[in-house]
Amino acid sequence: MKIELRNVSGRHPAARPEAVPAVQALSLSVRAGEQLAVIGPSGAGKTTLLHLMACALKPLAGEVLLDGQDAWQLPRNALQTLRGALFLAPQAPPLPPRQRVVTAVLAGRLPHEGLWTSLRSLFYPLDIPRAERALAGFDMADKLFDRVDRLSGGERQRVGLARALVSEARLLLVDEPLSALDPTRSQHAVETLTQAASERGATLVATLHHVEMALAHFPRIVGLRDGALVFDLPAAAVSRDHLQALYAQHLHELSATASMDDDFSPAAPAPVVMHCR
């Protein structure tokens, strides 16, 4: 699915009506099947940007086009159909606490199923092997029949990502998928997401605090700060100077994930690491 934002402005979903827009007059185009990471300091507008792309948040100004269609000019039914062709994975997935993991995962298929099938699946999961395969991609297959409220924060986050794998979405929008994961799990999760998107030809846009993961696994990097586009570059072209300018006054966030010494090399295939001196 192709995305095009034209001079789009929008407030964070939880912001007050009088708040300054988190995204301001931003223009961005993403080709169908492309994979890109959005990075930037806290409060940069990354989550708001994803919600605008997902048509979950109506822009204050500008146009959001998905596959050439102006989403907010469509009739209500057509807008719902368009939303069904994408998947938004929030940082903290809204999972019913008493629900079984298998049911929570298969909920990712609800937009593609009829009402009767959806209701039946709530009482008895209809495609258990599909859910198990998706969970296995995140080392969670052994939790298939566990209750959601017995999972750790990182496990719940991985259940939310497994939902994306079972969906038939042509656009995957993933918000901070690594925030509750350790380095090994983070590496595996990113590899699983990018591989799954490639196999189905889906567009993948992920917001990441982990700069080294973004540089190592995404061919295109968008830098966002104060709701504005700072740079839009191939990963190999992102330099130390680009990152220092992007994270100015927030260098502690950058230093937590990437080395800023003279050996910094974003073009290298291995993740950037932190050197203790």
Protein backbone atom coordinates (compact mmCIF):
# COMPACT_ATOMS: atom_id res chain seq x y z
CA MET A 1 0.00 0.00 0.00
CA LYS A 2 1.31 3.43 -0.95
CA ILE A 3 1.17 6.29 1.58
CA GLU A 4 1.27 9.98 0.76
CA LEU A 5 0.97 12.77 3.32
CA ARG A 6 0.57 16.27 1.96
CA ASN A 7 1.19 19.12 4.43
CA VAL A 8 -0.47 17.12 7.20
CA SER A 9 -0.87 18.45 10.73
CA GLY A 10 -2.33 16.56 13.68
CA ARG A 11 -2.50 16.40 17.47
CA HIS A 12 -1.59 13.42 19.61
CA PRO A 13 -4.69 11.24 20.18
CA ALA A 14 -4.63 12.07 23.91
CA ALA A 15 -3.88 15.80 23.51
CA ARG A 16 -6.24 18.59 24.54
CA PRO A 17 -7.99 20.46 21.70
CA GLU A 18 -5.95 23.60 22.41
CA ALA A 19 -2.59 21.77 22.39
CA VAL A 20 0.04 22.53 19.76
CA PRO A 21 -0.12 19.95 16.94
CA ALA A 22 2.38 17.10 17.41
CA VAL A 23 2.82 16.89 13.62
CA GLN A 24 2.98 20.12 11.66
CA ALA A 25 2.67 20.58 7.87
CA LEU A 26 4.50 17.32 7.20
CA SER A 27 4.78 15.85 3.71
CA LEU A 28 6.02 12.29 3.19
CA SER A 29 5.63 9.60 0.54
CA VAL A 30 6.13 5.87 1.08
CA ARG A 31 6.12 3.43 -1.83
CA ALA A 32 4.08 0.23 -1.74
CA GLY A 33 6.17 -2.56 -0.20
CA GLU A 34 8.77 -0.17 1.23
CA GLN A 35 10.16 -0.52 4.75
CA LEU A 36 11.17 2.52 6.77
CA ALA A 37 11.88 3.43 10.37
CA VAL A 38 10.90 6.72 11.99
CA ILE A 39 13.30 7.87 14.70
CA GLY A 40 13.53 10.95 16.89
CA PRO A 41 13.50 12.08 20.53
CA SER A 42 10.54 11.65 22.86
CA GLY A 43 7.71 13.99 21.92
CA ALA A 44 8.83 14.23 18.30
CA GLY A 45 5.38 13.24 17.00
CA LYS A 46 6.18 9.66 15.97
CA THR A 47 3.05 8.07 17.46
CA THR A 48 0.83 10.83 16.06
CA LEU A 49 2.36 10.27 12.63
CA LEU A 50 1.46 6.57 12.72
CA HIS A 51 -2.11 7.32 13.79
CA LEU A 52 -2.46 9.75 10.91
CA MET A 53 -1.16 7.14 8.48
CA ALA A 54 -3.61 4.60 9.92
CA CYS A 55 -6.59 6.94 9.44
CA ALA A 56 -7.20 6.53 13.18
CA LEU A 57 -6.69 10.27 13.65
CA LYS A 58 -8.24 12.89 11.40
CA PRO A 59 -5.70 15.53 10.37
CA LEU A 60 -6.21 19.15 11.36
CA ALA A 61 -4.94 20.13 7.92
CA GLY A 62 -3.57 18.48 4.80
CA GLU A 63 -4.34 15.24 3.01
CA VAL A 64 -3.72 11.58 3.82
CA LEU A 65 -3.73 9.43 0.68
CA LEU A 66 -3.58 5.63 0.79
CA ASP A 67 -3.16 4.00 -2.62
CA GLY A 68 -4.09 7.36 -4.13
CA GLN A 69 -7.36 7.70 -2.19
CA ASP A 70 -7.93 10.68 0.09
CA ALA A 71 -8.98 8.69 3.14
CA TRP A 72 -11.07 11.41 4.80
CA GLN A 73 -13.00 12.20 1.63
CA LEU A 74 -14.31 8.63 1.37
CA PRO A 75 -17.80 7.55 2.49
CA ARG A 76 -17.85 5.95 5.93
CA ASN A 77 -18.13 2.37 4.64
CA ALA A 78 -15.29 2.90 2.17
CA LEU A 79 -13.11 4.36 4.94
CA GLN A 80 -13.79 1.30 7.11
CA THR A 81 -12.82 -0.97 4.22
CA LEU A 82 -9.60 0.98 3.73
CA ARG A 83 -8.78 0.72 7.44
CA GLY A 84 -9.29 -3.04 7.18
CA ALA A 85 -6.41 -3.22 4.71
CA LEU A 86 -3.91 -1.88 7.27
CA PHE A 87 -2.76 -2.89 10.74
CA LEU A 88 -1.75 -0.50 13.52
CA ALA A 89 0.22 -2.12 16.35
CA PRO A 90 0.35 0.27 19.34
CA GLN A 91 3.22 0.22 21.81
CA ALA A 92 0.90 -1.18 24.51
CA PRO A 93 -1.61 -3.45 22.73
CA PRO A 94 -5.14 -3.35 24.21
CA LEU A 95 -5.47 -7.02 25.14
CA PRO A 96 -8.42 -8.20 27.27
CA PRO A 97 -6.80 -9.57 30.47
CA ARG A 98 -8.90 -12.73 30.75
CA GLN A 99 -8.56 -13.63 27.09
CA ARG A 100 -6.42 -16.55 25.94
CA VAL A 101 -3.35 -15.67 23.91
CA VAL A 102 -4.57 -17.65 20.90
CA THR A 103 -7.80 -15.62 20.79
CA ALA A 104 -5.93 -12.34 21.23
CA VAL A 105 -3.63 -13.17 18.31
CA LEU A 106 -6.40 -14.29 15.97
CA ALA A 107 -8.21 -11.00 16.64
CA GLY A 108 -5.79 -9.61 14.06
CA ARG A 109 -7.91 -11.40 11.43
CA LEU A 110 -11.26 -9.88 12.44
CA PRO A 111 -11.29 -7.21 9.66
CA HIS A 112 -11.02 -10.01 7.08
CA GLU A 113 -13.73 -12.29 8.46
CA GLY A 114 -17.50 -12.18 8.48
CA LEU A 115 -19.56 -11.42 11.60
CA TRP A 116 -20.52 -15.06 12.22
CA THR A 117 -16.96 -16.32 11.88
CA SER A 118 -15.70 -13.56 14.17
CA LEU A 119 -18.25 -14.41 16.88
CA ARG A 120 -17.47 -18.13 16.68
CA SER A 121 -13.76 -17.44 16.99
CA LEU A 122 -14.31 -15.59 20.27
CA PHE A 123 -15.65 -18.81 21.84
CA TYR A 124 -13.51 -21.33 19.96
CA PRO A 125 -10.45 -20.26 17.93
CA LEU A 126 -10.89 -21.42 14.34
CA ASP A 127 -7.30 -21.29 13.11
CA ILE A 128 -5.08 -22.35 15.99
CA PRO A 129 -2.12 -23.40 13.76
CA ARG A 130 -1.97 -19.90 12.22
CA ALA A 131 -1.79 -18.31 15.67
CA GLU A 132 0.86 -20.79 16.79
CA ARG A 133 3.04 -20.05 13.76
CA ALA A 134 2.78 -16.31 14.36
CA LEU A 135 3.68 -16.69 18.03
CA ALA A 136 6.62 -18.95 17.13
CA GLY A 137 8.06 -16.05 15.16
CA PHE A 138 8.42 -14.24 18.49
CA ASP A 139 9.40 -17.27 20.65
CA MET A 140 5.92 -17.34 22.19
CA ALA A 141 4.41 -20.58 20.87
CA ASP A 142 4.50 -22.13 24.35
CA LYS A 143 2.13 -19.39 25.59
CA LEU A 144 -0.61 -20.24 23.06
CA PHE A 145 -3.31 -21.07 25.63
CA ASP A 146 -2.10 -18.88 28.52
CA ARG A 147 -4.26 -16.03 29.75
CA VAL A 148 -3.13 -12.56 28.76
CA ASP A 149 -3.08 -11.29 32.36
CA ARG A 150 -0.42 -13.88 33.20
CA LEU A 151 2.04 -12.52 30.67
CA SER A 152 4.86 -10.07 31.28
CA GLY A 153 4.89 -6.67 29.58
CA GLY A 154 7.33 -7.89 26.95
CA GLU A 155 5.26 -10.99 26.27
CA ARG A 156 2.10 -8.91 25.81
CA GLN A 157 4.00 -6.70 23.40
CA ARG A 158 5.02 -9.74 21.36
CA VAL A 159 1.42 -10.99 21.31
CA GLY A 160 0.47 -7.64 19.80
CA LEU A 161 3.13 -8.08 17.11
CA ALA A 162 1.94 -11.64 16.38
CA ARG A 163 -1.46 -10.12 15.56
CA ALA A 164 0.19 -8.24 12.71
CA LEU A 165 1.54 -11.51 11.29
CA VAL A 166 -1.88 -13.21 11.15
CA SER A 167 -3.56 -10.20 9.56
CA GLU A 168 -3.81 -9.82 5.81
CA ALA A 169 -2.92 -6.14 5.99
CA ARG A 170 -1.02 -4.54 3.12
CA LEU A 171 0.22 -1.79 5.43
CA LEU A 172 1.83 -2.52 8.81
CA LEU A 173 2.25 0.44 11.17
CA VAL A 174 4.19 -0.54 14.30
CA ASP A 175 4.74 1.83 17.22
CA GLU A 176 7.84 1.23 19.36
CA PRO A 177 7.74 -2.59 19.08
CA LEU A 178 10.92 -3.07 21.13
CA SER A 179 10.23 -0.88 24.17
CA ALA A 180 9.69 -3.83 26.56
CA LEU A 181 12.14 -6.29 24.98
CA ASP A 182 15.72 -7.19 25.80
CA PRO A 183 18.39 -6.86 23.06
CA THR A 184 18.16 -10.48 21.89
CA ARG A 185 14.36 -10.42 21.72
CA SER A 186 14.50 -7.03 20.00
CA GLN A 187 16.79 -8.35 17.27
CA HIS A 188 14.57 -11.36 16.68
CA ALA A 189 11.37 -9.28 16.67
CA VAL A 190 12.66 -6.83 14.07
CA GLU A 191 13.92 -9.64 11.85
CA THR A 192 10.55 -11.40 12.09
CA LEU A 193 8.59 -8.24 11.24
CA THR A 194 10.75 -7.20 8.30
CA GLN A 195 10.84 -10.72 6.86
CA ALA A 196 7.06 -11.14 7.16
CA ALA A 197 6.46 -7.78 5.46
CA SER A 198 8.85 -8.70 2.64
CA GLU A 199 7.23 -12.09 2.07
CA ARG A 200 3.74 -10.62 1.69
CA GLY A 201 4.88 -7.45 -0.11
CA ALA A 202 3.40 -5.27 2.62
CA THR A 203 4.52 -1.74 3.41
CA LEU A 204 6.13 -1.49 6.87
CA VAL A 205 6.53 1.72 8.88
CA ALA A 206 7.94 1.39 12.40
CA THR A 207 8.76 4.01 15.01
CA LEU A 208 11.86 3.12 17.01
CA HIS A 209 13.79 4.53 19.94
CA HIS A 210 16.49 1.94 19.19
CA VAL A 211 18.56 3.86 16.65
CA GLU A 212 21.02 1.03 16.05
CA MET A 213 18.17 -1.37 15.22
CA ALA A 214 16.69 1.12 12.78
CA LEU A 215 20.01 1.60 11.00
CA ALA A 216 20.76 -2.11 10.85
CA HIS A 217 17.39 -3.40 9.64
CA PHE A 218 15.58 -0.65 7.71
CA PRO A 219 16.80 0.64 4.34
CA ARG A 220 15.18 4.07 4.81
CA ILE A 221 15.28 6.29 7.90
CA VAL A 222 13.04 9.27 8.62
CA GLY A 223 14.16 11.66 11.37
CA LEU A 224 11.35 13.52 13.14
CA ARG A 225 11.69 16.32 15.67
CA ASP A 226 9.05 18.70 17.07
CA GLY A 227 6.57 17.38 14.54
CA ALA A 228 8.73 18.29 11.55
CA LEU A 229 10.79 16.24 9.12
CA VAL A 230 14.51 16.69 9.87
CA PHE A 231 15.86 14.20 7.34
CA ASP A 232 14.68 11.39 5.06
CA LEU A 233 17.67 9.29 4.02
CA PRO A 234 18.90 5.81 3.16
CA ALA A 235 20.22 4.18 6.34
CA ALA A 236 23.78 4.15 4.95
CA ALA A 237 23.66 7.94 4.51
CA VAL A 238 22.67 8.72 8.12
CA SER A 239 25.75 10.18 9.81
CA ARG A 240 26.72 10.99 13.37
CA ASP A 241 26.07 14.67 12.61
CA HIS A 242 22.54 13.87 11.43
CA LEU A 243 21.80 12.04 14.67
CA GLN A 244 23.38 14.67 16.91
CA ALA A 245 21.27 17.37 15.25
CA LEU A 246 18.13 15.25 15.52
CA TYR A 247 18.65 14.47 19.21
CA ALA A 248 20.03 17.88 20.28
CA GLN A 249 19.09 18.49 23.94
CA HIS A 250 18.08 14.80 24.02
CA LEU A 251 21.48 13.16 23.52
CA HIS A 252 20.89 10.94 26.55
CA GLU A 253 18.25 9.10 24.51
CA LEU A 254 20.67 8.58 21.67
CA SER A 255 23.59 7.50 23.86
CA ALA A 256 21.37 4.87 25.47
CA THR A 257 21.13 3.01 22.17
CA ALA A 258 24.06 4.01 19.96
CA SER A 259 27.72 4.89 20.35
CA MET A 260 28.62 8.46 19.51
CA ASP A 261 32.39 7.97 19.46
CA ASP A 262 34.64 8.48 16.41
CA ASP A 263 34.06 4.89 15.26
CA PHE A 264 30.33 5.43 14.66
CA SER A 265 29.46 4.03 11.25
CA PRO A 266 25.77 3.76 10.29
CA ALA A 267 26.68 2.08 7.02
CA ALA A 268 28.08 -0.93 8.81
CA PRO A 269 25.79 -4.00 8.75
CA ALA A 270 26.27 -4.77 12.44
CA PRO A 271 24.26 -2.87 15.06
CA VAL A 272 25.89 0.18 16.61
CA VAL A 273 27.02 -0.65 20.12
CA MET A 274 27.95 1.35 23.17
CA HIS A 275 31.59 1.31 24.28
CA CYS A 276 32.32 1.53 28.00
CA ARG A 277 35.50 3.46 28.83
